[in-house]
C-alpha atoms as a PDB file:
ATOM      1  CA  MET A   1      30.633  -7.768  66.366  1.00  0.00           C
ATOM      2  CA  PRO A   2      33.396  -9.241  64.156  1.00  0.00           C
ATOM      3  CA  THR A   3      32.476  -9.453  60.496  1.00  0.00           C
ATOM      4  CA  LEU A   4      34.278 -10.762  57.439  1.00  0.00           C
ATOM      5  CA  GLU A   5      33.286  -8.998  54.226  1.00  0.00           C
ATOM      6  CA  ILE A   6      34.003 -10.855  50.972  1.00  0.00           C
ATOM      7  CA  LEU A   7      35.298  -8.468  48.307  1.00  0.00           C
ATOM      8  CA  SER A   8      35.893 -10.821  45.346  1.00  0.00           C
ATOM      9  CA  GLY A   9      34.880 -14.212  44.018  1.00  0.00           C
ATOM     10  CA  SER A  10      31.520 -15.973  43.988  1.00  0.00           C
ATOM     11  CA  LYS A  11      30.526 -14.557  47.410  1.00  0.00           C
ATOM     12  CA  ALA A  12      31.579 -10.962  46.684  1.00  0.00           C
ATOM     13  CA  GLY A  13      29.410  -8.497  48.571  1.00  0.00           C
ATOM     14  CA  GLN A  14      28.442 -10.971  51.287  1.00  0.00           C
ATOM     15  CA  SER A  15      29.312 -10.387  54.941  1.00  0.00           C
ATOM     16  CA  PHE A  16      29.652 -13.038  57.620  1.00  0.00           C
ATOM     17  CA  THR A  17      29.290 -12.093  61.284  1.00  0.00           C
ATOM     18  CA  PHE A  18      30.343 -14.344  64.140  1.00  0.00           C
ATOM     19  CA  THR A  19      30.631 -14.156  67.923  1.00  0.00           C
ATOM     20  CA  GLU A  20      33.445 -16.475  69.022  1.00  0.00           C
ATOM     21  CA  GLN A  21      34.954 -18.785  66.420  1.00  0.00           C
ATOM     22  CA  THR A  22      34.384 -19.687  62.791  1.00  0.00           C
ATOM     23  CA  LYS A  23      36.114 -21.799  60.151  1.00  0.00           C
ATOM     24  CA  ILE A  24      36.658 -20.836  56.539  1.00  0.00           C
ATOM     25  CA  GLY A  25      37.067 -23.407  53.776  1.00  0.00           C
ATOM     26  CA  LYS A  26      35.399 -25.541  51.124  1.00  0.00           C
ATOM     27  CA  ASP A  27      34.027 -28.184  53.492  1.00  0.00           C
ATOM     28  CA  ASP A  28      30.261 -28.287  54.072  1.00  0.00           C
ATOM     29  CA  SER A  29      30.831 -27.974  57.833  1.00  0.00           C
ATOM     30  CA  CYS A  30      32.554 -24.573  57.483  1.00  0.00           C
ATOM     31  CA  PRO A  31      30.233 -21.672  58.341  1.00  0.00           C
ATOM     32  CA  ILE A  32      32.065 -19.577  55.735  1.00  0.00           C
ATOM     33  CA  GLN A  33      32.340 -21.693  52.586  1.00  0.00           C
ATOM     34  CA  ILE A  34      34.467 -20.388  49.752  1.00  0.00           C
ATOM     35  CA  ALA A  35      34.430 -22.149  46.377  1.00  0.00           C
ATOM     36  CA  ASP A  36      37.870 -21.157  45.144  1.00  0.00           C
ATOM     37  CA  ALA A  37      40.491 -23.489  43.625  1.00  0.00           C
ATOM     38  CA  GLY A  38      43.102 -22.044  46.016  1.00  0.00           C
ATOM     39  CA  VAL A  39      41.049 -22.655  49.176  1.00  0.00           C
ATOM     40  CA  SER A  40      41.498 -25.844  51.218  1.00  0.00           C
ATOM     41  CA  ARG A  41      38.668 -27.853  52.783  1.00  0.00           C
ATOM     42  CA  PHE A  42      39.603 -26.390  56.166  1.00  0.00           C
ATOM     43  CA  HIS A  43      41.599 -23.303  55.249  1.00  0.00           C
ATOM     44  CA  ALA A  44      41.580 -20.984  58.270  1.00  0.00           C
ATOM     45  CA  GLN A  45      39.883 -20.275  61.571  1.00  0.00           C
ATOM     46  CA  ILE A  46      39.010 -16.882  63.050  1.00  0.00           C
ATOM     47  CA  THR A  47      38.603 -16.637  66.810  1.00  0.00           C
ATOM     48  CA  LYS A  48      37.386 -13.738  68.951  1.00  0.00           C
ATOM     49  CA  SER A  49      38.444 -13.575  72.576  1.00  0.00           C
ATOM     50  CA  GLY A  50      37.545 -10.382  74.410  1.00  0.00           C
ATOM     51  CA  ASN A  51      38.581  -7.491  72.163  1.00  0.00           C
ATOM     52  CA  THR A  52      41.123  -9.574  70.236  1.00  0.00           C
ATOM     53  CA  VAL A  53      40.412 -11.263  66.905  1.00  0.00           C
ATOM     54  CA  ARG A  54      42.925 -13.851  65.682  1.00  0.00           C
ATOM     55  CA  ILE A  55      43.249 -15.862  62.501  1.00  0.00           C
ATOM     56  CA  LYS A  56      45.008 -19.200  62.182  1.00  0.00           C
ATOM     57  CA  ASP A  57      45.906 -21.019  58.983  1.00  0.00           C
ATOM     58  CA  LEU A  58      44.681 -24.613  59.397  1.00  0.00           C
ATOM     59  CA  GLY A  59      47.370 -26.185  57.243  1.00  0.00           C
ATOM     60  CA  SER A  60      46.037 -24.903  53.946  1.00  0.00           C
ATOM     61  CA  SER A  61      47.950 -25.761  50.768  1.00  0.00           C
ATOM     62  CA  ASN A  62      48.323 -22.137  49.653  1.00  0.00           C
ATOM     63  CA  GLY A  63      48.514 -20.308  52.964  1.00  0.00           C
ATOM     64  CA  THR A  64      46.481 -17.368  54.201  1.00  0.00           C
ATOM     65  CA  TYR A  65      47.592 -13.835  53.361  1.00  0.00           C
ATOM     66  CA  ILE A  66      46.990 -10.907  55.693  1.00  0.00           C
ATOM     67  CA  ASN A  67      47.762  -7.507  54.189  1.00  0.00           C
ATOM     68  CA  PHE A  68      49.741  -9.299  51.443  1.00  0.00           C
ATOM     69  CA  LYS A  69      51.963 -11.225  53.912  1.00  0.00           C
ATOM     70  CA  LYS A  70      51.737 -15.003  53.855  1.00  0.00           C
ATOM     71  CA  LYS A  71      50.912 -16.909  57.014  1.00  0.00           C
ATOM     72  CA  GLY A  72      52.102 -20.488  56.833  1.00  0.00           C
ATOM     73  CA  LYS A  73      50.565 -23.733  57.982  1.00  0.00           C
ATOM     74  CA  GLY A  74      49.442 -23.455  61.587  1.00  0.00           C
ATOM     75  CA  GLU A  75      50.609 -19.847  61.883  1.00  0.00           C
ATOM     76  CA  GLU A  76      48.400 -17.494  63.874  1.00  0.00           C
ATOM     77  CA  ALA A  77      48.102 -13.706  63.711  1.00  0.00           C
ATOM     78  CA  THR A  78      46.070 -10.948  65.349  1.00  0.00           C
ATOM     79  CA  LEU A  79      43.680  -9.216  62.961  1.00  0.00           C
ATOM     80  CA  LYS A  80      43.031  -5.516  63.028  1.00  0.00           C
ATOM     81  CA  ASP A  81      39.965  -3.706  61.794  1.00  0.00           C
ATOM     82  CA  ARG A  82      40.024  -3.378  57.980  1.00  0.00           C
ATOM     83  CA  ASP A  83      42.843  -5.878  57.391  1.00  0.00           C
ATOM     84  CA  ILE A  84      42.802  -7.443  53.923  1.00  0.00           C
ATOM     85  CA  ILE A  85      42.749 -11.254  53.964  1.00  0.00           C
ATOM     86  CA  PHE A  86      43.287 -13.591  51.006  1.00  0.00           C
ATOM     87  CA  PHE A  87      41.923 -17.137  51.017  1.00  0.00           C
ATOM     88  CA  GLY A  88      43.201 -18.514  47.703  1.00  0.00           C
ATOM     89  CA  ARG A  89      42.204 -15.834  45.164  1.00  0.00           C
ATOM     90  CA  THR A  90      39.270 -14.650  47.253  1.00  0.00           C
ATOM     91  CA  VAL A  91      39.829 -11.252  48.852  1.00  0.00           C
ATOM     92  CA  SER A  92      38.097 -10.300  52.091  1.00  0.00           C
ATOM     93  CA  ARG A  93      38.242  -7.528  54.676  1.00  0.00           C
ATOM     94  CA  SER A  94      37.972  -7.693  58.442  1.00  0.00           C
ATOM     95  CA  CYS A  95      35.473  -5.393  60.139  1.00  0.00           C
ATOM     96  CA  TRP A  96      35.591  -5.328  63.912  1.00  0.00           C
ATOM     97  CA  ARG A  97      34.546  -1.848  64.946  1.00  0.00           C
ATOM     98  CA  ARG A  98      31.194  -0.153  64.624  1.00  0.00           C
ATOM     99  CA  ARG A  99      31.328   2.525  61.974  1.00  0.00           C
ATOM    100  CA  ARG A 100      30.428   6.132  62.673  1.00  0.00           C
ATOM    101  CA  THR A 101      27.904   5.907  59.842  1.00  0.00           C
ATOM    102  CA  GLU A 102      26.078   3.126  61.697  1.00  0.00           C
ATOM    103  CA  ALA A 103      26.067   5.146  64.897  1.00  0.00           C
ATOM    104  CA  ARG A 104      24.226   7.883  62.972  1.00  0.00           C
ATOM    105  CA  GLY A 105      21.523   5.414  61.950  1.00  0.00           C
ATOM    106  CA  CYS A 106      22.817   4.609  58.461  1.00  0.00           C
ATOM    107  CA  PRO A 107      22.645   1.087  57.005  1.00  0.00           C
ATOM    108  CA  PRO A 108      24.780  -1.408  58.954  1.00  0.00           C
ATOM    109  CA  SER A 109      27.082  -2.251  56.073  1.00  0.00           C
ATOM    110  CA  CYS A 110      30.103  -3.796  57.702  1.00  0.00           C
ATOM    111  CA  CYS A 111      32.658  -1.516  56.104  1.00  0.00           C
ATOM    112  CA  ALA A 112      30.515   1.418  55.020  1.00  0.00           C
ATOM    113  CA  ARG A 113      32.570   4.269  53.691  1.00  0.00           C
ATOM    114  CA  ARG A 114      29.929   6.958  53.938  1.00  0.00           C
ATOM    115  CA  CYS A 115      26.314   7.515  54.771  1.00  0.00           C
ATOM    116  CA  PRO A 116      23.824   7.630  51.890  1.00  0.00           C
END
């Protein structure tokens, strides 16, 4: 199941899992709310369709960065497992595939590096 893991900022360490579509921004209606000066009310949207996960910048003031490359207003891109995504100054990581550690019964941390 697609998961977005927040790596920095006020929500660092939190993971957000979704099934089809979710919006990221400051607005109260966004399932993933990020309180960051560089994040717009409706910053980006992530959509899952089949085995494809896409991200679209929703006209944010500062753009959305994927692996350090800026995506402009309205621009859409396909996300891969473990891509790094910037929303303002908040860094996150995409996690789409089940980890081998989870398959062995280890904790279901979205981007676990190794089993305890």
